[in-house]
Amino acid sequence: MPTSVSSTGITITNTLIYGINYRDLNTRSLSPCGIFISKSSQITISGSEVKNLDVTTDSSAGIQFSECTDGTVLSSKVKNLINNDGAVQGFSCLLSTNIIFNLCKAIGLQSFFNGNILTTGHTVLGFCPIFCENIIYTNCLAANLTGCCDDC
């Protein structure tokens, strides 16, 4: 999975991230996130919240891990995430291993279609592991998810 680690021992506790606004359909594959961690290990996120994200990009996420290993997300929430012309993920893992989600909530995620046919989709997912190993979800919730033209 992760090829190299650039950071270790990352801890984010009781942090609120809100009001993310971004518009760009000219640059492909953008994915604005409230919390984005890449090529790292020994990660802990607890009691944190990402809310009120309103973007127009190919994709977006509340909390996203990319090429990470050995992480825990505890009692954290993503809420009211909107992508006006692309995909929305609450908690997203790409090419990651050994990530545990416990007592996490993805609430009020929504996508719209306004003509962006170059994105890979307008899908809404509360929890989204892609090319991952050993991802564990315990006592988590995804609620009030609204898709548009793909799936939810």
C-alpha atoms as a PDB file:
ATOM      1  CA  MET A   1       0.000   0.000   0.000  1.00  0.00           C
ATOM      2  CA  PRO A   2       1.728   3.268   1.077  1.00  0.00           C
ATOM      3  CA  THR A   3       5.059   3.505  -0.706  1.00  0.00           C
ATOM      4  CA  SER A   4       6.844   5.940   1.585  1.00  0.00           C
ATOM      5  CA  VAL A   5       6.007   7.831   4.750  1.00  0.00           C
ATOM      6  CA  SER A   6       6.586  11.555   4.981  1.00  0.00           C
ATOM      7  CA  SER A   7       5.135  12.201   8.462  1.00  0.00           C
ATOM      8  CA  THR A   8       4.520  10.144  11.605  1.00  0.00           C
ATOM      9  CA  GLY A   9       2.730  10.710  14.872  1.00  0.00           C
ATOM     10  CA  ILE A  10       0.054  13.147  13.671  1.00  0.00           C
ATOM     11  CA  THR A  11      -2.612  14.012  16.263  1.00  0.00           C
ATOM     12  CA  ILE A  12      -5.663  16.220  15.649  1.00  0.00           C
ATOM     13  CA  THR A  13      -7.983  16.626  18.642  1.00  0.00           C
ATOM     14  CA  ASN A  14     -11.191  18.623  19.203  1.00  0.00           C
ATOM     15  CA  THR A  15     -10.712  20.661  16.041  1.00  0.00           C
ATOM     16  CA  LEU A  16     -13.514  22.409  14.126  1.00  0.00           C
ATOM     17  CA  ILE A  17     -13.119  23.144  10.414  1.00  0.00           C
ATOM     18  CA  TYR A  18     -15.999  24.925   8.692  1.00  0.00           C
ATOM     19  CA  GLY A  19     -17.012  27.216   5.860  1.00  0.00           C
ATOM     20  CA  ILE A  20     -14.881  25.743   3.066  1.00  0.00           C
ATOM     21  CA  ASN A  21     -15.866  27.306  -0.289  1.00  0.00           C
ATOM     22  CA  TYR A  22     -14.066  26.555  -3.542  1.00  0.00           C
ATOM     23  CA  ARG A  23     -15.013  26.659  -7.230  1.00  0.00           C
ATOM     24  CA  ASP A  24     -12.813  25.210  -9.987  1.00  0.00           C
ATOM     25  CA  LEU A  25     -13.875  22.893 -12.792  1.00  0.00           C
ATOM     26  CA  ASN A  26     -10.992  23.915 -15.054  1.00  0.00           C
ATOM     27  CA  THR A  27      -8.420  21.979 -12.995  1.00  0.00           C
ATOM     28  CA  ARG A  28      -9.284  18.276 -13.124  1.00  0.00           C
ATOM     29  CA  SER A  29      -9.288  15.876 -10.173  1.00  0.00           C
ATOM     30  CA  LEU A  30      -9.360  18.495  -7.414  1.00  0.00           C
ATOM     31  CA  SER A  31     -10.706  17.232  -4.099  1.00  0.00           C
ATOM     32  CA  PRO A  32     -10.990  19.920  -1.423  1.00  0.00           C
ATOM     33  CA  CYS A  33     -11.041  18.431   2.093  1.00  0.00           C
ATOM     34  CA  GLY A  34     -11.496  19.660   5.617  1.00  0.00           C
ATOM     35  CA  ILE A  35      -8.665  17.403   6.790  1.00  0.00           C
ATOM     36  CA  PHE A  36      -6.287  15.801   4.266  1.00  0.00           C
ATOM     37  CA  ILE A  37      -3.386  13.580   5.341  1.00  0.00           C
ATOM     38  CA  SER A  38      -1.034  11.969   2.827  1.00  0.00           C
ATOM     39  CA  LYS A  39       1.841   9.479   3.033  1.00  0.00           C
ATOM     40  CA  SER A  40       1.780   9.418   6.829  1.00  0.00           C
ATOM     41  CA  SER A  41       1.544   6.889   9.659  1.00  0.00           C
ATOM     42  CA  GLN A  42       0.513   6.767  13.311  1.00  0.00           C
ATOM     43  CA  ILE A  43      -2.370   9.203  12.830  1.00  0.00           C
ATOM     44  CA  THR A  44      -5.007  10.022  15.457  1.00  0.00           C
ATOM     45  CA  ILE A  45      -8.019  12.248  14.854  1.00  0.00           C
ATOM     46  CA  SER A  46     -10.506  12.533  17.716  1.00  0.00           C
ATOM     47  CA  GLY A  47     -13.460  14.713  18.633  1.00  0.00           C
ATOM     48  CA  SER A  48     -13.085  16.766  15.460  1.00  0.00           C
ATOM     49  CA  GLU A  49     -15.684  18.098  13.025  1.00  0.00           C
ATOM     50  CA  VAL A  50     -15.695  19.284   9.408  1.00  0.00           C
ATOM     51  CA  LYS A  51     -18.863  21.116   8.395  1.00  0.00           C
ATOM     52  CA  ASN A  52     -20.370  23.487   5.856  1.00  0.00           C
ATOM     53  CA  LEU A  53     -18.198  22.597   2.860  1.00  0.00           C
ATOM     54  CA  ASP A  54     -19.663  24.086  -0.347  1.00  0.00           C
ATOM     55  CA  VAL A  55     -17.571  23.384  -3.451  1.00  0.00           C
ATOM     56  CA  THR A  56     -17.792  22.937  -7.207  1.00  0.00           C
ATOM     57  CA  THR A  57     -15.011  20.485  -8.084  1.00  0.00           C
ATOM     58  CA  ASP A  58     -14.668  16.947  -9.427  1.00  0.00           C
ATOM     59  CA  SER A  59     -14.618  15.519  -5.891  1.00  0.00           C
ATOM     60  CA  SER A  60     -14.558  16.550  -2.222  1.00  0.00           C
ATOM     61  CA  ALA A  61     -14.236  14.988   1.223  1.00  0.00           C
ATOM     62  CA  GLY A  62     -14.614  15.865   4.866  1.00  0.00           C
ATOM     63  CA  ILE A  63     -11.646  13.816   6.107  1.00  0.00           C
ATOM     64  CA  GLN A  64      -9.369  12.056   3.639  1.00  0.00           C
ATOM     65  CA  PHE A  65      -6.355   9.767   3.988  1.00  0.00           C
ATOM     66  CA  SER A  66      -4.138   9.107   0.966  1.00  0.00           C
ATOM     67  CA  GLU A  67      -1.389   6.488   1.112  1.00  0.00           C
ATOM     68  CA  CYS A  68      -1.496   6.347   4.922  1.00  0.00           C
ATOM     69  CA  THR A  69      -1.045   3.560   7.427  1.00  0.00           C
ATOM     70  CA  ASP A  70      -1.939   2.967  11.072  1.00  0.00           C
ATOM     71  CA  GLY A  71      -4.572   5.590  11.823  1.00  0.00           C
ATOM     72  CA  THR A  72      -7.533   6.023  14.134  1.00  0.00           C
ATOM     73  CA  VAL A  73     -10.473   8.394  13.744  1.00  0.00           C
ATOM     74  CA  LEU A  74     -12.576   8.525  16.908  1.00  0.00           C
ATOM     75  CA  SER A  75     -15.822  10.374  17.690  1.00  0.00           C
ATOM     76  CA  SER A  76     -15.488  12.701  14.717  1.00  0.00           C
ATOM     77  CA  LYS A  77     -18.140  14.129  12.407  1.00  0.00           C
ATOM     78  CA  VAL A  78     -18.519  15.530   8.898  1.00  0.00           C
ATOM     79  CA  LYS A  79     -21.708  17.505   8.343  1.00  0.00           C
ATOM     80  CA  ASN A  80     -23.367  19.533   5.586  1.00  0.00           C
ATOM     81  CA  LEU A  81     -20.936  18.843   2.741  1.00  0.00           C
ATOM     82  CA  ILE A  82     -22.152  19.975  -0.700  1.00  0.00           C
ATOM     83  CA  ASN A  83     -20.528  19.510  -4.093  1.00  0.00           C
ATOM     84  CA  ASN A  84     -22.401  21.497  -6.735  1.00  0.00           C
ATOM     85  CA  ASP A  85     -21.031  19.435  -9.648  1.00  0.00           C
ATOM     86  CA  GLY A  86     -19.041  16.417  -8.422  1.00  0.00           C
ATOM     87  CA  ALA A  87     -18.642  13.669  -5.804  1.00  0.00           C
ATOM     88  CA  VAL A  88     -18.807  13.963  -2.009  1.00  0.00           C
ATOM     89  CA  GLN A  89     -17.242  11.591   0.530  1.00  0.00           C
ATOM     90  CA  GLY A  90     -17.516  12.018   4.275  1.00  0.00           C
ATOM     91  CA  PHE A  91     -14.558   9.880   5.350  1.00  0.00           C
ATOM     92  CA  SER A  92     -12.344   8.813   2.445  1.00  0.00           C
ATOM     93  CA  CYS A  93      -9.335   6.485   2.316  1.00  0.00           C
ATOM     94  CA  LEU A  94      -7.205   6.030  -0.798  1.00  0.00           C
ATOM     95  CA  LEU A  95      -4.407   3.444  -0.978  1.00  0.00           C
ATOM     96  CA  SER A  96      -4.312   3.210   2.820  1.00  0.00           C
ATOM     97  CA  THR A  97      -3.963   0.387   5.378  1.00  0.00           C
ATOM     98  CA  ASN A  98      -4.876  -0.210   9.000  1.00  0.00           C
ATOM     99  CA  ILE A  99      -7.244   2.718   9.477  1.00  0.00           C
ATOM    100  CA  ILE A 100      -9.920   2.441  12.191  1.00  0.00           C
ATOM    101  CA  PHE A 101     -13.072   4.583  12.318  1.00  0.00           C
ATOM    102  CA  ASN A 102     -15.018   4.412  15.594  1.00  0.00           C
ATOM    103  CA  LEU A 103     -18.111   6.443  16.535  1.00  0.00           C
ATOM    104  CA  CYS A 104     -17.834   8.586  13.380  1.00  0.00           C
ATOM    105  CA  LYS A 105     -20.770  10.340  11.694  1.00  0.00           C
ATOM    106  CA  ALA A 106     -21.307  11.549   8.127  1.00  0.00           C
ATOM    107  CA  ILE A 107     -24.500  13.630   8.064  1.00  0.00           C
ATOM    108  CA  GLY A 108     -26.075  15.826   5.393  1.00  0.00           C
ATOM    109  CA  LEU A 109     -23.899  15.146   2.334  1.00  0.00           C
ATOM    110  CA  GLN A 110     -25.249  16.210  -1.076  1.00  0.00           C
ATOM    111  CA  SER A 111     -24.183  16.373  -4.709  1.00  0.00           C
ATOM    112  CA  PHE A 112     -25.673  18.169  -7.695  1.00  0.00           C
ATOM    113  CA  PHE A 113     -25.238  17.841 -11.451  1.00  0.00           C
ATOM    114  CA  ASN A 114     -24.741  21.119 -13.318  1.00  0.00           C
ATOM    115  CA  GLY A 115     -23.099  19.843 -16.492  1.00  0.00           C
ATOM    116  CA  ASN A 116     -19.718  18.510 -15.289  1.00  0.00           C
ATOM    117  CA  ILE A 117     -19.363  15.383 -17.450  1.00  0.00           C
ATOM    118  CA  LEU A 118     -15.572  15.146 -17.023  1.00  0.00           C
ATOM    119  CA  THR A 119     -15.651  14.011 -13.389  1.00  0.00           C
ATOM    120  CA  THR A 120     -15.673  10.301 -12.524  1.00  0.00           C
ATOM    121  CA  GLY A 121     -19.079  10.770 -10.915  1.00  0.00           C
ATOM    122  CA  HIS A 122     -21.408  12.683  -8.666  1.00  0.00           C
ATOM    123  CA  THR A 123     -21.612   9.938  -6.045  1.00  0.00           C
ATOM    124  CA  VAL A 124     -22.316  10.643  -2.366  1.00  0.00           C
ATOM    125  CA  LEU A 125     -20.706   8.258   0.134  1.00  0.00           C
ATOM    126  CA  GLY A 126     -20.448   8.543   3.907  1.00  0.00           C
ATOM    127  CA  PHE A 127     -17.468   6.183   4.122  1.00  0.00           C
ATOM    128  CA  CYS A 128     -15.363   5.449   1.053  1.00  0.00           C
ATOM    129  CA  PRO A 129     -12.301   3.148   1.022  1.00  0.00           C
ATOM    130  CA  ILE A 130     -10.600   2.902  -2.388  1.00  0.00           C
ATOM    131  CA  PHE A 131      -7.731   0.434  -2.965  1.00  0.00           C
ATOM    132  CA  CYS A 132      -7.311  -0.070   0.790  1.00  0.00           C
ATOM    133  CA  GLU A 133      -6.553  -2.903   3.202  1.00  0.00           C
ATOM    134  CA  ASN A 134      -7.763  -3.475   6.759  1.00  0.00           C
ATOM    135  CA  ILE A 135     -10.120  -0.502   7.093  1.00  0.00           C
ATOM    136  CA  ILE A 136     -12.424  -0.958  10.109  1.00  0.00           C
ATOM    137  CA  TYR A 137     -15.688   0.876  10.834  1.00  0.00           C
ATOM    138  CA  THR A 138     -17.274   0.458  14.287  1.00  0.00           C
ATOM    139  CA  ASN A 139     -20.431   2.183  15.558  1.00  0.00           C
ATOM    140  CA  CYS A 140     -20.401   4.673  12.664  1.00  0.00           C
ATOM    141  CA  LEU A 141     -23.357   6.439  11.042  1.00  0.00           C
ATOM    142  CA  ALA A 142     -24.111   7.859   7.581  1.00  0.00           C
ATOM    143  CA  ALA A 143     -27.424   9.746   7.391  1.00  0.00           C
ATOM    144  CA  ASN A 144     -29.257  12.275   5.211  1.00  0.00           C
ATOM    145  CA  LEU A 145     -27.172  11.608   2.094  1.00  0.00           C
ATOM    146  CA  THR A 146     -28.642  13.017  -1.132  1.00  0.00           C
ATOM    147  CA  GLY A 147     -27.251  12.067  -4.520  1.00  0.00           C
ATOM    148  CA  CYS A 148     -28.195  13.460  -7.892  1.00  0.00           C
ATOM    149  CA  CYS A 149     -27.588  11.523 -11.125  1.00  0.00           C
ATOM    150  CA  ASP A 150     -25.339   8.650 -10.035  1.00  0.00           C
ATOM    151  CA  ASP A 151     -25.740   6.800  -6.799  1.00  0.00           C
ATOM    152  CA  CYS A 152     -25.738   7.505  -3.106  1.00  0.00           C
END
